């Protein structure tokens, strides 16, 4: 009898792993197809990993936004992970980042399906995994970036906090707090959205008089802040805190259909209606989380600049949970075969959608930008600042060549910027060059070569102009 129970349990867990395994192999397609990792952001993150590998614990980055440099305001846990794996496995950080892609993507799907399974049931968890494949965030799961790492932890915090509240279990609240602290050290926006969701749920539960004890919330919050303070306190004491909000990118409501997928939205509405009728604590958690993130994504109407699509990314857990619950409880009376056909169609469509996404994924950096970066790796003096006409090339150069650049990705953390337009237009003099420590200007080949510079390399798309200091 015990053996039968174990076999049944293992079979159930295997069913839960089906969307996870499919996601792993889908992400393996671009991973094997391309030599370089996906996404533009990864070059900044690899640069930071190399910075920590070279300097250990440091709170200042001299190579980006040079010659001034900047404090390392981007939370470091993901960078340290890449650095640790690179040193342990004796592999280049770019190789580590590339092979993290299928691991991160499948781990996010596993985290979401497992959490939905624990809060609801097995098949609701499985359907949630397939609904993810219809969504735009599914492609972001494949990117080797801190957000992906944070998205693995996000649902687990939800589960442990929910369990702590339901079972009056402080151990669960401490675990949720530690995991939340890891998010605070990995990706700040994820942490902010998480705290919003947990706070609103706690307030609702209090208002509805479901739970009168708020100590679990304070235990969670204190654990989060204590763990995060390991990094946040030193950097704030040394450099203060700077965050230049990037320009907001509105996401019209009609684009939500593409963002989540039409099928997902249909069943999320059904699931949301059923949960609203039932109104268990778990239902309140899922409904409030989804509605809160959707409302936050629209606050640009109040003049607050936000990245709407990034905010919505954190709603995907709640929305697919609603959709999966809707599908799990969708029935047509006396038509059981119709339901089975519907399940089959959704699974096949989801796999096709995910596979299409995997086949379309490719690195955002082209061969010409890599080629320029490789030239600096071999021939750059590692001292003078590089100014590029293409903003996206700066983190590529600094991550590959370790040559100082005037920008370098993650603009919100910058404090001082030099006037790069002056150099791109050729309106600079000797004192400017000395003050800014500029040595190279990278331009598209069709643009005029600035005066007092010499073209030292060209690959047909870009050219490297070296400043001739003695002739200015």
Protein backbone atom coordinates (compact mmCIF):
# COMPACT_ATOMS: atom_id res chain seq x y z
CA UNK A 1 0.00 0.00 0.00
CA UNK A 2 2.85 2.37 0.89
CA UNK A 3 4.65 1.46 -2.36
CA UNK A 4 1.49 2.26 -4.36
CA UNK A 5 1.21 5.64 -2.59
CA UNK A 6 4.83 6.49 -3.46
CA UNK A 7 4.32 5.49 -7.13
CA UNK A 8 1.14 7.60 -7.30
CA UNK A 9 2.90 10.58 -5.71
CA UNK A 10 5.88 10.31 -8.09
CA UNK A 11 3.49 10.06 -11.04
CA UNK A 12 1.75 13.23 -9.87
CA UNK A 13 5.04 15.09 -9.56
CA UNK A 14 6.04 13.95 -13.06
CA UNK A 15 2.80 15.41 -14.45
CA UNK A 16 3.68 18.70 -12.75
CA UNK A 17 7.10 18.65 -14.44
CA UNK A 18 5.73 18.34 -17.99
CA UNK A 19 5.52 22.12 -18.73
CA UNK A 20 8.86 22.57 -16.93
CA UNK A 21 10.63 20.03 -19.15
CA UNK A 22 9.02 21.47 -22.29
CA UNK A 23 10.20 24.96 -21.30
CA UNK A 24 13.74 23.67 -20.72
CA UNK A 25 13.97 22.18 -24.22
CA UNK A 26 12.33 25.21 -25.86
CA UNK A 27 14.94 27.49 -24.26
CA UNK A 28 17.66 25.06 -25.26
CA UNK A 29 16.98 25.90 -28.93
CA UNK A 30 18.38 29.48 -28.91
CA UNK A 31 20.99 28.44 -26.32
CA UNK A 32 22.49 25.86 -28.69
CA UNK A 33 21.85 27.94 -31.81
CA UNK A 34 23.79 31.05 -30.74
CA UNK A 35 27.25 31.51 -29.27
CA UNK A 36 26.30 34.59 -27.26
CA UNK A 37 23.61 34.84 -24.56
CA UNK A 38 20.22 36.38 -25.24
CA UNK A 39 19.29 39.96 -24.28
CA UNK A 40 21.21 43.23 -24.30
CA UNK A 41 21.05 43.61 -20.51
CA UNK A 42 23.26 40.57 -19.98
CA UNK A 43 26.36 42.51 -21.07
CA UNK A 44 25.99 44.90 -18.15
CA UNK A 45 25.41 42.00 -15.77
CA UNK A 46 28.45 40.10 -17.06
CA UNK A 47 30.49 43.30 -16.69
CA UNK A 48 29.40 43.53 -13.05
CA UNK A 49 30.24 39.85 -12.48
CA UNK A 50 33.73 40.48 -13.87
CA UNK A 51 34.05 43.57 -11.67
CA UNK A 52 33.30 41.50 -8.56
CA UNK A 53 35.60 38.72 -9.76
CA UNK A 54 38.45 41.23 -10.05
CA UNK A 55 37.73 43.29 -6.92
CA UNK A 56 35.77 41.08 -4.56
CA UNK A 57 33.25 43.08 -2.53
CA UNK A 58 33.16 46.57 -4.02
CA UNK A 59 30.59 49.35 -4.08
CA UNK A 60 32.03 51.41 -6.95
CA UNK A 61 32.30 50.79 -10.69
CA UNK A 62 35.01 52.89 -12.40
CA UNK A 63 34.55 51.43 -15.90
CA UNK A 64 31.01 52.56 -16.77
CA UNK A 65 29.93 56.19 -17.06
CA UNK A 66 33.65 56.95 -17.06
CA UNK A 67 35.63 58.99 -16.29
CA UNK A 68 33.44 59.59 -13.23
CA UNK A 69 32.35 56.01 -12.61
CA UNK A 70 29.37 55.28 -10.40
CA UNK A 71 28.34 53.37 -7.28
CA UNK A 72 27.10 49.83 -7.87
CA UNK A 73 23.46 50.69 -7.26
CA UNK A 74 22.21 47.58 -9.07
CA UNK A 75 21.56 44.85 -6.50
CA UNK A 76 24.43 42.32 -6.76
CA UNK A 77 23.19 38.78 -5.98
CA UNK A 78 22.79 37.69 -9.61
CA UNK A 79 26.20 39.14 -10.47
CA UNK A 80 27.80 37.27 -7.60
CA UNK A 81 26.09 34.08 -8.77
CA UNK A 82 27.64 34.40 -12.23
CA UNK A 83 31.01 35.26 -10.69
CA UNK A 84 30.85 32.28 -8.31
CA UNK A 85 29.89 29.82 -11.06
CA UNK A 86 32.53 31.24 -13.39
CA UNK A 87 35.31 30.87 -10.82
CA UNK A 88 34.09 27.47 -9.61
CA UNK A 89 33.66 25.95 -13.06
CA UNK A 90 36.57 27.89 -14.60
CA UNK A 91 34.34 29.09 -17.43
CA UNK A 92 33.92 32.53 -18.99
CA UNK A 93 30.99 34.46 -17.45
CA UNK A 94 29.38 34.71 -20.90
CA UNK A 95 29.28 30.90 -21.13
CA UNK A 96 27.76 30.75 -17.65
CA UNK A 97 25.10 33.33 -18.58
CA UNK A 98 24.30 31.48 -21.80
CA UNK A 99 23.79 28.12 -20.08
CA UNK A 100 21.77 29.70 -17.31
CA UNK A 101 19.04 30.44 -19.89
CA UNK A 102 17.26 27.04 -19.90
CA UNK A 103 17.86 26.64 -16.16
CA UNK A 104 16.30 30.02 -15.30
CA UNK A 105 13.34 29.63 -17.67
CA UNK A 106 12.41 26.13 -16.52
CA UNK A 107 12.96 27.07 -12.86
CA UNK A 108 10.49 29.97 -13.16
CA UNK A 109 7.87 27.63 -14.64
CA UNK A 110 8.61 25.05 -11.93
CA UNK A 111 8.27 27.66 -9.18
CA UNK A 112 4.95 28.93 -10.52
CA UNK A 113 3.46 25.49 -11.19
CA UNK A 114 4.60 24.15 -7.82
CA UNK A 115 3.20 27.14 -5.92
CA UNK A 116 -0.16 26.97 -7.70
CA UNK A 117 -0.21 23.21 -7.04
CA UNK A 118 0.43 23.71 -3.32
CA UNK A 119 -2.18 26.46 -2.99
CA UNK A 120 -4.79 24.80 -5.23
CA UNK A 121 -4.25 21.33 -6.69
CA UNK A 122 -2.09 19.33 -9.09
CA UNK A 123 -3.89 19.98 -12.37
CA UNK A 124 -4.39 23.68 -11.65
CA UNK A 125 -0.61 23.85 -11.23
CA UNK A 126 -0.02 22.00 -14.51
CA UNK A 127 -2.46 24.18 -16.48
CA UNK A 128 -0.77 27.29 -15.03
CA UNK A 129 2.51 26.11 -16.54
CA UNK A 130 0.97 25.79 -19.99
CA UNK A 131 -0.84 29.15 -19.80
CA UNK A 132 2.56 30.79 -19.22
CA UNK A 133 3.59 29.82 -22.75
CA UNK A 134 0.92 32.08 -24.27
CA UNK A 135 2.33 35.18 -22.56
CA UNK A 136 4.89 37.81 -23.53
CA UNK A 137 6.79 37.32 -20.23
CA UNK A 138 7.54 33.75 -21.35
CA UNK A 139 10.26 35.12 -23.63
CA UNK A 140 11.73 37.13 -20.72
CA UNK A 141 11.98 33.92 -18.70
CA UNK A 142 14.65 32.82 -21.17
CA UNK A 143 16.88 35.85 -20.60
CA UNK A 144 19.86 35.47 -18.23
CA UNK A 145 19.04 38.54 -16.13
CA UNK A 146 18.38 39.27 -12.42
CA UNK A 147 14.65 39.62 -13.05
CA UNK A 148 14.49 35.96 -14.12
CA UNK A 149 16.26 34.88 -10.94
CA UNK A 150 13.88 37.03 -8.85
CA UNK A 151 10.85 35.55 -10.64
CA UNK A 152 11.90 32.10 -9.44
CA UNK A 153 11.74 33.26 -5.82
CA UNK A 154 8.63 35.49 -6.14
CA UNK A 155 5.98 32.69 -6.12
CA UNK A 156 7.77 30.87 -3.31
CA UNK A 157 7.52 33.93 -1.08
CA UNK A 158 3.80 34.07 -1.87
CA UNK A 159 3.41 30.40 -0.91
CA UNK A 160 5.37 30.54 2.35
CA UNK A 161 3.69 33.76 3.47
CA UNK A 162 0.25 32.36 2.63
CA UNK A 163 1.10 29.18 4.57
CA UNK A 164 2.37 31.24 7.51
CA UNK A 165 -0.90 33.15 7.68
CA UNK A 166 -3.11 30.08 7.24
CA UNK A 167 -1.28 27.89 9.73
CA UNK A 168 -0.13 30.55 12.20
CA UNK A 169 3.41 29.36 11.48
CA UNK A 170 6.25 31.78 12.25
CA UNK A 171 8.83 29.44 10.71
CA UNK A 172 7.07 29.83 7.35
CA UNK A 173 7.05 33.61 7.80
CA UNK A 174 10.81 33.58 8.46
CA UNK A 175 11.44 31.47 5.34
CA UNK A 176 9.27 33.86 3.31
CA UNK A 177 11.23 36.80 4.77
CA UNK A 178 14.60 35.27 3.91
CA UNK A 179 13.47 34.55 0.35
CA UNK A 180 12.06 38.08 0.10
CA UNK A 181 15.42 39.42 1.29
CA UNK A 182 17.11 37.52 -1.53
CA UNK A 183 14.79 39.28 -3.96
CA UNK A 184 15.76 42.64 -2.42
CA UNK A 185 19.37 41.70 -3.18
CA UNK A 186 18.56 40.55 -6.72
CA UNK A 187 16.01 42.82 -8.41
CA UNK A 188 14.58 45.91 -6.73
CA UNK A 189 11.45 46.27 -8.89
CA UNK A 190 10.42 42.68 -8.16
CA UNK A 191 10.91 43.35 -4.44
CA UNK A 192 8.80 46.52 -4.53
CA UNK A 193 5.95 44.74 -6.35
CA UNK A 194 6.18 41.81 -3.93
CA UNK A 195 5.92 44.07 -0.88
CA UNK A 196 2.92 45.84 -2.44
CA UNK A 197 1.14 42.53 -3.03
CA UNK A 198 1.85 41.15 0.44
CA UNK A 199 0.82 44.41 2.13
CA UNK A 200 -2.49 44.67 0.26
CA UNK A 201 -3.31 41.00 0.94
CA UNK A 202 -2.53 41.42 4.64
CA UNK A 203 -4.72 44.53 4.88
CA UNK A 204 -7.61 42.79 3.09
CA UNK A 205 -7.40 39.77 5.37
CA UNK A 206 -7.43 42.12 8.37
CA UNK A 207 -10.39 44.12 7.05
CA UNK A 208 -12.35 40.93 6.32
CA UNK A 209 -11.47 39.72 9.84
CA UNK A 210 -10.09 36.46 8.47
CA UNK A 211 -6.91 36.86 10.54
CA UNK A 212 -6.34 39.22 13.45
CA UNK A 213 -2.65 38.48 13.98
CA UNK A 214 -0.39 40.70 11.84
CA UNK A 215 2.84 39.50 13.47
CA UNK A 216 3.58 37.21 10.53
CA UNK A 217 3.74 40.23 8.24
CA UNK A 218 6.17 42.05 10.51
CA UNK A 219 8.32 38.93 10.89
CA UNK A 220 8.49 38.63 7.11
CA UNK A 221 9.26 42.32 6.59
CA UNK A 222 11.94 42.45 9.30
CA UNK A 223 13.66 39.32 7.92
CA UNK A 224 13.60 40.82 4.42
CA UNK A 225 15.11 44.13 5.54
CA UNK A 226 17.73 42.55 7.80
CA UNK A 227 19.04 40.34 5.00
CA UNK A 228 18.93 43.14 2.43
CA UNK A 229 20.76 45.51 4.79
CA UNK A 230 23.96 43.49 4.31
CA UNK A 231 24.38 45.28 0.99
CA UNK A 232 22.03 48.27 1.15
CA UNK A 233 23.37 49.87 4.36
CA UNK A 234 27.05 50.03 3.25
CA UNK A 235 26.31 51.43 -0.20
CA UNK A 236 23.84 54.05 1.08
CA UNK A 237 26.25 55.14 3.82
CA UNK A 238 29.09 55.44 1.31
CA UNK A 239 27.30 56.94 -1.68
CA UNK A 240 23.74 57.83 -0.70
CA UNK A 241 21.05 56.55 -3.03
CA UNK A 242 20.52 57.62 -6.62
CA UNK A 243 17.84 56.39 -8.99
CA UNK A 244 17.05 58.39 -12.10
CA UNK A 245 13.66 57.08 -13.15
CA UNK A 246 13.71 55.92 -16.79
CA UNK A 247 11.03 57.32 -19.12
CA UNK A 248 7.76 55.48 -18.76
CA UNK A 249 6.50 53.26 -21.56
CA UNK A 250 2.68 53.11 -21.51
CA UNK A 251 0.94 49.85 -22.33
CA UNK A 252 -2.55 50.42 -23.75
CA UNK A 253 -5.23 48.18 -22.27
CA UNK A 254 -5.90 46.51 -25.65
CA UNK A 255 -2.33 45.22 -25.69
CA UNK A 256 -3.05 43.18 -22.58
CA UNK A 257 -4.62 40.57 -24.87
CA UNK A 258 -1.26 40.07 -26.55
CA UNK A 259 0.66 40.34 -23.27
CA UNK A 260 -1.23 37.55 -21.50
CA UNK A 261 -2.68 35.75 -24.50
CA UNK A 262 -6.35 35.77 -25.46
CA UNK A 263 -6.96 32.21 -24.25
CA UNK A 264 -5.36 33.00 -20.89
CA UNK A 265 -7.50 36.12 -20.42
CA UNK A 266 -10.72 34.23 -21.22
CA UNK A 267 -10.07 31.57 -18.60
CA UNK A 268 -8.63 34.10 -16.12
CA UNK A 269 -11.97 35.92 -16.23
CA UNK A 270 -13.78 32.61 -15.61
CA UNK A 271 -11.38 31.69 -12.81
CA UNK A 272 -11.57 35.15 -11.30
CA UNK A 273 -15.37 35.01 -11.25
CA UNK A 274 -15.36 31.59 -9.58
CA UNK A 275 -12.79 32.71 -7.00
CA UNK A 276 -14.74 35.88 -6.27
CA UNK A 277 -17.84 33.76 -5.61
CA UNK A 278 -15.92 31.42 -3.32
CA UNK A 279 -13.63 34.01 -1.67
CA UNK A 280 -11.28 31.71 0.24
CA UNK A 281 -8.10 33.35 1.50
CA UNK A 282 -6.19 31.84 -1.42
CA UNK A 283 -8.75 33.32 -3.82
CA UNK A 284 -8.36 36.76 -2.24
CA UNK A 285 -4.57 36.47 -2.59
CA UNK A 286 -4.76 35.62 -6.30
CA UNK A 287 -7.42 38.19 -7.15
CA UNK A 288 -5.84 41.04 -5.19
CA UNK A 289 -2.37 40.27 -6.60
CA UNK A 290 -3.59 40.29 -10.21
CA UNK A 291 -5.73 43.43 -9.85
CA UNK A 292 -3.04 45.34 -7.94
CA UNK A 293 -0.33 44.70 -10.56
CA UNK A 294 -2.69 45.60 -13.41
CA UNK A 295 -3.70 48.84 -11.67
CA UNK A 296 -0.06 49.72 -10.93
CA UNK A 297 0.79 49.22 -14.60
CA UNK A 298 -1.67 52.00 -15.45
CA UNK A 299 -0.46 54.69 -13.02
CA UNK A 300 1.37 56.45 -15.85
CA UNK A 301 -2.04 58.11 -16.39
CA UNK A 302 -1.27 60.00 -13.15
CA UNK A 303 1.96 61.30 -14.65
CA UNK A 304 4.18 58.75 -12.89
CA UNK A 305 6.78 57.36 -15.32
CA UNK A 306 6.82 53.57 -15.09
CA UNK A 307 7.65 50.62 -17.31
CA UNK A 308 4.14 49.18 -17.58
CA UNK A 309 5.19 45.91 -19.19
CA UNK A 310 7.73 45.22 -16.43
CA UNK A 311 5.09 45.77 -13.74
CA UNK A 312 2.73 43.42 -15.57
CA UNK A 313 5.42 40.75 -15.67
CA UNK A 314 4.92 40.25 -11.94
CA UNK A 315 1.19 39.83 -12.44
CA UNK A 316 1.69 36.79 -14.67
CA UNK A 317 1.84 34.41 -11.68
CA UNK A 318 -1.57 35.54 -10.46
CA UNK A 319 -3.18 35.71 -13.90
CA UNK A 320 -2.13 32.20 -14.98
CA UNK A 321 -3.28 30.90 -11.58
CA UNK A 322 -6.70 32.45 -12.24
CA UNK A 323 -6.75 31.02 -15.78
CA UNK A 324 -5.68 27.57 -14.60
CA UNK A 325 -8.37 27.56 -11.92
CA UNK A 326 -10.92 28.64 -14.51
CA UNK A 327 -9.93 25.81 -16.85
CA UNK A 328 -9.82 23.28 -14.01
CA UNK A 329 -13.43 24.09 -13.10
CA UNK A 330 -14.77 24.69 -16.60
CA UNK A 331 -17.46 22.17 -17.42
CA UNK A 332 -20.10 21.72 -20.09
CA UNK A 333 -22.91 19.58 -18.70
CA UNK A 334 -23.09 16.10 -20.22
CA UNK A 335 -20.14 16.91 -22.53
CA UNK A 336 -17.09 15.50 -20.78
CA UNK A 337 -15.40 14.74 -24.13
CA UNK A 338 -15.62 18.42 -25.10
CA UNK A 339 -13.64 19.32 -21.98
CA UNK A 340 -10.96 16.75 -22.81
CA UNK A 341 -10.71 18.07 -26.36
CA UNK A 342 -10.47 21.62 -25.00
CA UNK A 343 -7.60 20.62 -22.69
CA UNK A 344 -5.77 18.96 -25.60
CA UNK A 345 -6.20 22.00 -27.86
CA UNK A 346 -4.92 24.39 -25.16
CA UNK A 347 -1.87 22.21 -24.42
CA UNK A 348 -0.96 21.85 -28.10
CA UNK A 349 -1.53 25.57 -28.73
CA UNK A 350 0.57 26.49 -25.69
CA UNK A 351 3.47 24.29 -26.79
CA UNK A 352 3.27 25.74 -30.30
CA UNK A 353 3.24 29.29 -28.88
CA UNK A 354 6.22 28.57 -26.65
CA UNK A 355 8.12 26.84 -29.45
CA UNK A 356 7.48 29.77 -31.79
CA UNK A 357 8.90 32.08 -29.12
CA UNK A 358 11.99 29.89 -28.71
CA UNK A 359 12.62 29.78 -32.46
CA UNK A 360 12.34 33.57 -32.73
CA UNK A 361 14.70 34.31 -29.84
CA UNK A 362 18.14 35.56 -30.80
CA UNK A 363 20.90 37.71 -29.30
CA UNK A 364 20.21 41.44 -29.60
CA UNK A 365 23.88 42.27 -30.22
CA UNK A 366 25.14 41.83 -33.77
CA UNK A 367 28.47 40.59 -35.10
CA UNK A 368 29.73 44.13 -35.83
CA UNK A 369 29.34 45.25 -32.20
CA UNK A 370 31.06 42.09 -30.97
CA UNK A 371 33.85 42.62 -33.49
CA UNK A 372 34.47 46.19 -32.28
CA UNK A 373 34.52 44.95 -28.69
CA UNK A 374 37.01 42.22 -29.57
CA UNK A 375 39.30 44.85 -31.16
CA UNK A 376 39.31 46.80 -27.89
CA UNK A 377 39.98 43.59 -25.97
CA UNK A 378 43.20 43.08 -27.95
CA UNK A 379 44.23 46.64 -28.84
CA UNK A 380 42.54 48.96 -26.32
CA UNK A 381 44.75 50.71 -23.76
CA UNK A 382 42.29 49.90 -20.88
CA UNK A 383 42.66 53.48 -19.64
CA UNK A 384 41.01 56.01 -21.95
CA UNK A 385 37.24 56.34 -22.25
CA UNK A 386 35.36 55.08 -25.31
CA UNK A 387 32.45 57.15 -26.60
CA UNK A 388 29.99 55.40 -28.90
CA UNK A 389 27.31 56.83 -31.15
CA UNK A 390 25.28 53.68 -30.44
CA UNK A 391 24.31 53.63 -26.76
CA UNK A 392 23.77 49.87 -26.82
CA UNK A 393 27.39 49.17 -27.74
CA UNK A 394 28.90 50.57 -24.52
CA UNK A 395 28.06 47.63 -22.20
CA UNK A 396 29.19 45.20 -24.88
CA UNK A 397 32.61 46.87 -25.08
CA UNK A 398 33.12 47.14 -21.33
CA UNK A 399 32.01 43.58 -20.63
CA UNK A 400 34.20 42.01 -23.31
CA UNK A 401 37.23 44.35 -23.39
CA UNK A 402 37.22 45.89 -19.86
CA UNK A 403 37.76 49.25 -21.58
CA UNK A 404 36.18 52.28 -19.80
CA UNK A 405 33.07 53.60 -21.56
CA UNK A 406 31.12 56.84 -21.25
CA UNK A 407 27.85 54.97 -20.63
CA UNK A 408 27.48 51.25 -20.06
CA UNK A 409 23.92 50.13 -19.43
CA UNK A 410 21.61 50.61 -16.43
CA UNK A 411 21.30 54.36 -16.80
CA UNK A 412 19.15 54.95 -13.67
CA UNK A 413 22.19 54.40 -11.45
CA UNK A 414 24.37 57.03 -13.12
CA UNK A 415 25.40 60.19 -11.26
CA UNK A 416 27.63 62.18 -13.64
CA UNK A 417 27.70 62.07 -17.43
CA UNK A 418 30.16 63.65 -19.82
CA UNK A 419 28.92 65.55 -22.86
CA UNK A 420 29.31 62.83 -25.46
CA UNK A 421 27.49 64.85 -28.14
CA UNK A 422 30.45 67.26 -28.19
CA UNK A 423 32.75 64.41 -29.24
CA UNK A 424 30.38 62.83 -31.74
CA UNK A 425 30.09 66.18 -33.53
CA UNK A 426 33.83 66.86 -33.31
CA UNK A 427 33.38 70.01 -31.15
CA UNK A 428 36.06 69.15 -28.58
CA UNK A 429 39.45 70.58 -27.73
CA UNK A 430 42.56 69.49 -25.85
CA UNK A 431 41.28 70.52 -22.43
CA UNK A 432 38.03 68.58 -22.99
CA UNK A 433 39.96 65.43 -23.87
CA UNK A 434 42.24 65.74 -20.84
CA UNK A 435 39.36 66.50 -18.45
CA UNK A 436 37.18 63.66 -19.73
CA UNK A 437 40.04 61.21 -20.35
CA UNK A 438 38.55 60.33 -23.75
CA UNK A 439 40.68 58.26 -26.12
CA UNK A 440 38.32 56.69 -28.67
CA UNK A 441 35.14 57.50 -30.57
CA UNK A 442 33.11 54.71 -32.21
CA UNK A 443 30.86 55.80 -35.08
CA UNK A 444 28.85 54.25 -37.86
CA UNK A 445 31.05 54.09 -40.97
CA UNK A 446 28.85 56.53 -42.89
CA UNK A 447 29.33 59.34 -40.37
CA UNK A 448 32.11 61.93 -40.82
CA UNK A 449 35.35 61.22 -38.99
CA UNK A 450 35.81 63.87 -36.26
CA UNK A 451 38.80 66.23 -36.61
CA UNK A 452 42.00 65.36 -34.77
CA UNK A 453 41.19 61.65 -34.83
CA UNK A 454 42.51 58.72 -36.83
CA UNK A 455 40.50 55.69 -37.95
CA UNK A 456 42.38 52.71 -36.50
CA UNK A 457 39.82 50.02 -37.31
CA UNK A 458 36.66 49.53 -39.35
CA UNK A 459 34.48 46.50 -39.97
CA UNK A 460 32.20 47.98 -42.60
CA UNK A 461 29.49 48.93 -40.12
CA UNK A 462 31.42 50.78 -37.42
CA UNK A 463 34.74 52.53 -37.25
CA UNK A 464 37.03 53.27 -34.30
CA UNK A 465 38.48 56.77 -34.29
CA UNK A 466 41.44 57.28 -31.98
CA UNK A 467 42.01 60.83 -30.73
CA UNK A 468 45.41 62.29 -31.60
CA UNK A 469 46.16 64.27 -28.45
CA UNK A 470 49.32 65.90 -29.72
CA UNK A 471 47.57 67.46 -32.73
CA UNK A 472 44.51 69.03 -31.10
